[in-house]
Amino acid sequence: MDKYLIYQIGEAILLEVGGVTNIIYPKGADTPDTLIVESKDGRYSLKIKAV
């Protein structure tokens, strides 16, 4: 069985299974193909692009 992570950022839910990250949005949500996450202090940012 693969390890998996599920976490939520805003409306998006990120599901990571076997090293592949899937971005899941609720129905009717604005769905950009890129999700940008920034740390609270602004020093780090992570950009995830859906494929």
PDB file of N, CA and C in Angstrom:
ATOM      1  N   MET A   1       0.840  -1.190   0.000  1.00  0.00           N
ATOM      2  CA  MET A   1       0.000   0.000   0.000  1.00  0.00           C
ATOM      3  C   MET A   1       0.879   1.246   0.000  1.00  0.00           C
ATOM      4  N   ASP A   2       0.553   2.180  -0.901  1.00  0.00           N
ATOM      5  CA  ASP A   2       1.313   3.426  -0.981  1.00  0.00           C
ATOM      6  C   ASP A   2       0.996   4.321   0.199  1.00  0.00           C
ATOM      7  N   LYS A   3       1.980   5.129   0.572  1.00  0.00           N
ATOM      8  CA  LYS A   3       1.727   6.187   1.552  1.00  0.00           C
ATOM      9  C   LYS A   3       0.949   7.278   0.847  1.00  0.00           C
ATOM     10  N   TYR A   4       0.098   7.957   1.586  1.00  0.00           N
ATOM     11  CA  TYR A   4      -0.629   9.059   0.974  1.00  0.00           C
ATOM     12  C   TYR A   4      -0.784  10.199   1.958  1.00  0.00           C
ATOM     13  N   LEU A   5      -0.885  11.401   1.420  1.00  0.00           N
ATOM     14  CA  LEU A   5      -1.105  12.604   2.215  1.00  0.00           C
ATOM     15  C   LEU A   5      -2.327  13.307   1.657  1.00  0.00           C
ATOM     16  N   ILE A   6      -3.158  13.799   2.553  1.00  0.00           N
ATOM     17  CA  ILE A   6      -4.295  14.609   2.139  1.00  0.00           C
ATOM     18  C   ILE A   6      -4.237  15.886   2.955  1.00  0.00           C
ATOM     19  N   TYR A   7      -4.251  17.027   2.293  1.00  0.00           N
ATOM     20  CA  TYR A   7      -4.287  18.278   3.028  1.00  0.00           C
ATOM     21  C   TYR A   7      -5.082  19.291   2.233  1.00  0.00           C
ATOM     22  N   GLN A   8      -5.526  20.331   2.915  1.00  0.00           N
ATOM     23  CA  GLN A   8      -6.395  21.310   2.293  1.00  0.00           C
ATOM     24  C   GLN A   8      -5.762  22.689   2.347  1.00  0.00           C
ATOM     25  N   ILE A   9      -5.842  23.418   1.227  1.00  0.00           N
ATOM     26  CA  ILE A   9      -5.358  24.790   1.148  1.00  0.00           C
ATOM     27  C   ILE A   9      -6.485  25.605   0.531  1.00  0.00           C
ATOM     28  N   GLY A  10      -7.111  26.444   1.319  1.00  0.00           N
ATOM     29  CA  GLY A  10      -8.273  27.181   0.819  1.00  0.00           C
ATOM     30  C   GLY A  10      -9.368  26.202   0.454  1.00  0.00           C
ATOM     31  N   GLU A  11      -9.905  26.326  -0.764  1.00  0.00           N
ATOM     32  CA  GLU A  11     -10.937  25.396  -1.217  1.00  0.00           C
ATOM     33  C   GLU A  11     -10.351  24.126  -1.812  1.00  0.00           C
ATOM     34  N   ALA A  12      -9.071  24.156  -2.138  1.00  0.00           N
ATOM     35  CA  ALA A  12      -8.460  23.020  -2.825  1.00  0.00           C
ATOM     36  C   ALA A  12      -8.037  21.942  -1.835  1.00  0.00           C
ATOM     37  N   ILE A  13      -8.214  20.704  -2.246  1.00  0.00           N
ATOM     38  CA  ILE A  13      -7.725  19.567  -1.469  1.00  0.00           C
ATOM     39  C   ILE A  13      -6.607  18.933  -2.284  1.00  0.00           C
ATOM     40  N   LEU A  14      -5.466  18.737  -1.657  1.00  0.00           N
ATOM     41  CA  LEU A  14      -4.344  18.097  -2.338  1.00  0.00           C
ATOM     42  C   LEU A  14      -4.239  16.664  -1.850  1.00  0.00           C
ATOM     43  N   LEU A  15      -4.222  15.728  -2.775  1.00  0.00           N
ATOM     44  CA  LEU A  15      -4.109  14.313  -2.464  1.00  0.00           C
ATOM     45  C   LEU A  15      -2.826  13.818  -3.109  1.00  0.00           C
ATOM     46  N   GLU A  16      -1.889  13.391  -2.272  1.00  0.00           N
ATOM     47  CA  GLU A  16      -0.611  12.909  -2.787  1.00  0.00           C
ATOM     48  C   GLU A  16      -0.534  11.408  -2.572  1.00  0.00           C
ATOM     49  N   VAL A  17      -0.425  10.661  -3.672  1.00  0.00           N
ATOM     50  CA  VAL A  17      -0.347   9.206  -3.606  1.00  0.00           C
ATOM     51  C   VAL A  17       0.827   8.752  -4.459  1.00  0.00           C
ATOM     52  N   GLY A  18       1.729   8.020  -3.870  1.00  0.00           N
ATOM     53  CA  GLY A  18       2.859   7.476  -4.616  1.00  0.00           C
ATOM     54  C   GLY A  18       3.698   8.528  -5.312  1.00  0.00           C
ATOM     55  N   GLY A  19       3.841   9.695  -4.695  1.00  0.00           N
ATOM     56  CA  GLY A  19       4.661  10.748  -5.268  1.00  0.00           C
ATOM     57  C   GLY A  19       3.953  11.609  -6.299  1.00  0.00           C
ATOM     58  N   VAL A  20       2.676  11.324  -6.585  1.00  0.00           N
ATOM     59  CA  VAL A  20       1.903  12.126  -7.537  1.00  0.00           C
ATOM     60  C   VAL A  20       0.906  12.968  -6.759  1.00  0.00           C
ATOM     61  N   THR A  21       0.922  14.283  -7.003  1.00  0.00           N
ATOM     62  CA  THR A  21       0.009  15.180  -6.303  1.00  0.00           C
ATOM     63  C   THR A  21      -1.176  15.508  -7.196  1.00  0.00           C
ATOM     64  N   ASN A  22      -2.373  15.293  -6.690  1.00  0.00           N
ATOM     65  CA  ASN A  22      -3.604  15.617  -7.394  1.00  0.00           C
ATOM     66  C   ASN A  22      -4.273  16.778  -6.682  1.00  0.00           C
ATOM     67  N   ILE A  23      -4.736  17.767  -7.447  1.00  0.00           N
ATOM     68  CA  ILE A  23      -5.434  18.905  -6.875  1.00  0.00           C
ATOM     69  C   ILE A  23      -6.923  18.711  -7.133  1.00  0.00           C
ATOM     70  N   ILE A  24      -7.712  18.720  -6.069  1.00  0.00           N
ATOM     71  CA  ILE A  24      -9.144  18.459  -6.168  1.00  0.00           C
ATOM     72  C   ILE A  24      -9.891  19.692  -5.682  1.00  0.00           C
ATOM     73  N   TYR A  25     -10.838  20.164  -6.481  1.00  0.00           N
ATOM     74  CA  TYR A  25     -11.637  21.332  -6.112  1.00  0.00           C
ATOM     75  C   TYR A  25     -13.089  20.917  -5.958  1.00  0.00           C
ATOM     76  N   PRO A  26     -13.848  21.604  -5.075  1.00  0.00           N
ATOM     77  CA  PRO A  26     -15.276  21.331  -4.979  1.00  0.00           C
ATOM     78  C   PRO A  26     -15.992  21.790  -6.249  1.00  0.00           C
ATOM     79  N   LYS A  27     -17.151  21.209  -6.526  1.00  0.00           N
ATOM     80  CA  LYS A  27     -17.928  21.594  -7.706  1.00  0.00           C
ATOM     81  C   LYS A  27     -18.275  23.070  -7.649  1.00  0.00           C
ATOM     82  N   GLY A  28     -18.149  23.731  -8.784  1.00  0.00           N
ATOM     83  CA  GLY A  28     -18.514  25.141  -8.867  1.00  0.00           C
ATOM     84  C   GLY A  28     -17.439  26.102  -8.390  1.00  0.00           C
ATOM     85  N   ALA A  29     -16.326  25.583  -7.914  1.00  0.00           N
ATOM     86  CA  ALA A  29     -15.251  26.454  -7.426  1.00  0.00           C
ATOM     87  C   ALA A  29     -14.453  26.986  -8.609  1.00  0.00           C
ATOM     88  N   ASP A  30     -13.844  28.147  -8.405  1.00  0.00           N
ATOM     89  CA  ASP A  30     -12.922  28.667  -9.408  1.00  0.00           C
ATOM     90  C   ASP A  30     -11.722  27.723  -9.416  1.00  0.00           C
ATOM     91  N   THR A  31     -11.358  27.198 -10.574  1.00  0.00           N
ATOM     92  CA  THR A  31     -10.329  26.163 -10.615  1.00  0.00           C
ATOM     93  C   THR A  31      -9.130  26.582 -11.459  1.00  0.00           C
ATOM     94  N   PRO A  32      -8.233  27.366 -10.887  1.00  0.00           N
ATOM     95  CA  PRO A  32      -7.011  27.682 -11.625  1.00  0.00           C
ATOM     96  C   PRO A  32      -6.163  26.426 -11.774  1.00  0.00           C
ATOM     97  N   ASP A  33      -5.357  26.369 -12.835  1.00  0.00           N
ATOM     98  CA  ASP A  33      -4.532  25.175 -13.023  1.00  0.00           C
ATOM     99  C   ASP A  33      -3.234  25.241 -12.235  1.00  0.00           C
ATOM    100  N   THR A  34      -3.001  26.362 -11.566  1.00  0.00           N
ATOM    101  CA  THR A  34      -1.802  26.506 -10.747  1.00  0.00           C
ATOM    102  C   THR A  34      -2.193  26.945  -9.346  1.00  0.00           C
ATOM    103  N   LEU A  35      -1.654  26.276  -8.355  1.00  0.00           N
ATOM    104  CA  LEU A  35      -1.922  26.611  -6.964  1.00  0.00           C
ATOM    105  C   LEU A  35      -0.619  27.115  -6.359  1.00  0.00           C
ATOM    106  N   ILE A  36      -0.641  28.317  -5.799  1.00  0.00           N
ATOM    107  CA  ILE A  36       0.560  28.887  -5.186  1.00  0.00           C
ATOM    108  C   ILE A  36       0.338  28.990  -3.683  1.00  0.00           C
ATOM    109  N   VAL A  37       1.241  28.394  -2.924  1.00  0.00           N
ATOM    110  CA  VAL A  37       1.141  28.384  -1.471  1.00  0.00           C
ATOM    111  C   VAL A  37       2.332  29.152  -0.924  1.00  0.00           C
ATOM    112  N   GLU A  38       2.076  30.110  -0.045  1.00  0.00           N
ATOM    113  CA  GLU A  38       3.163  30.879   0.555  1.00  0.00           C
ATOM    114  C   GLU A  38       3.177  30.669   2.059  1.00  0.00           C
ATOM    115  N   SER A  39       4.390  30.678   2.635  1.00  0.00           N
ATOM    116  CA  SER A  39       4.495  30.572   4.084  1.00  0.00           C
ATOM    117  C   SER A  39       4.022  31.875   4.719  1.00  0.00           C
ATOM    118  N   LYS A  40       3.658  31.804   5.985  1.00  0.00           N
ATOM    119  CA  LYS A  40       3.121  32.980   6.671  1.00  0.00           C
ATOM    120  C   LYS A  40       4.109  34.137   6.700  1.00  0.00           C
ATOM    121  N   ASP A  41       5.393  33.833   6.828  1.00  0.00           N
ATOM    122  CA  ASP A  41       6.383  34.912   6.876  1.00  0.00           C
ATOM    123  C   ASP A  41       6.794  35.394   5.482  1.00  0.00           C
ATOM    124  N   GLY A  42       6.286  34.749   4.433  1.00  0.00           N
ATOM    125  CA  GLY A  42       6.565  35.181   3.071  1.00  0.00           C
ATOM    126  C   GLY A  42       7.925  34.774   2.530  1.00  0.00           C
ATOM    127  N   ARG A  43       8.662  33.995   3.273  1.00  0.00           N
ATOM    128  CA  ARG A  43      10.015  33.617   2.836  1.00  0.00           C
ATOM    129  C   ARG A  43      10.009  32.473   1.829  1.00  0.00           C
ATOM    130  N   TYR A  44       8.983  31.652   1.854  1.00  0.00           N
ATOM    131  CA  TYR A  44       8.937  30.482   0.978  1.00  0.00           C
ATOM    132  C   TYR A  44       7.629  30.465   0.206  1.00  0.00           C
ATOM    133  N   SER A  45       7.683  29.979  -1.026  1.00  0.00           N
ATOM    134  CA  SER A  45       6.457  29.764  -1.775  1.00  0.00           C
ATOM    135  C   SER A  45       6.587  28.463  -2.557  1.00  0.00           C
ATOM    136  N   LEU A  46       5.469  27.817  -2.752  1.00  0.00           N
ATOM    137  CA  LEU A  46       5.411  26.546  -3.462  1.00  0.00           C
ATOM    138  C   LEU A  46       4.379  26.701  -4.563  1.00  0.00           C
ATOM    139  N   LYS A  47       4.775  26.381  -5.784  1.00  0.00           N
ATOM    140  CA  LYS A  47       3.864  26.502  -6.919  1.00  0.00           C
ATOM    141  C   LYS A  47       3.589  25.104  -7.444  1.00  0.00           C
ATOM    142  N   ILE A  48       2.329  24.720  -7.488  1.00  0.00           N
ATOM    143  CA  ILE A  48       1.941  23.390  -7.957  1.00  0.00           C
ATOM    144  C   ILE A  48       1.057  23.577  -9.182  1.00  0.00           C
ATOM    145  N   LYS A  49       1.436  22.954 -10.293  1.00  0.00           N
ATOM    146  CA  LYS A  49       0.658  23.079 -11.524  1.00  0.00           C
ATOM    147  C   LYS A  49      -0.045  21.760 -11.811  1.00  0.00           C
ATOM    148  N   ALA A  50      -1.347  21.839 -12.029  1.00  0.00           N
ATOM    149  CA  ALA A  50      -2.116  20.640 -12.368  1.00  0.00           C
ATOM    150  C   ALA A  50      -1.804  20.236 -13.807  1.00  0.00           C
ATOM    151  N   VAL A  51      -1.740  18.934 -14.054  1.00  0.00           N
ATOM    152  CA  VAL A  51      -1.494  18.457 -15.414  1.00  0.00           C
ATOM    153  C   VAL A  51      -2.602  17.508 -15.830  1.00  0.00           C
TER     154      VAL A  51
END
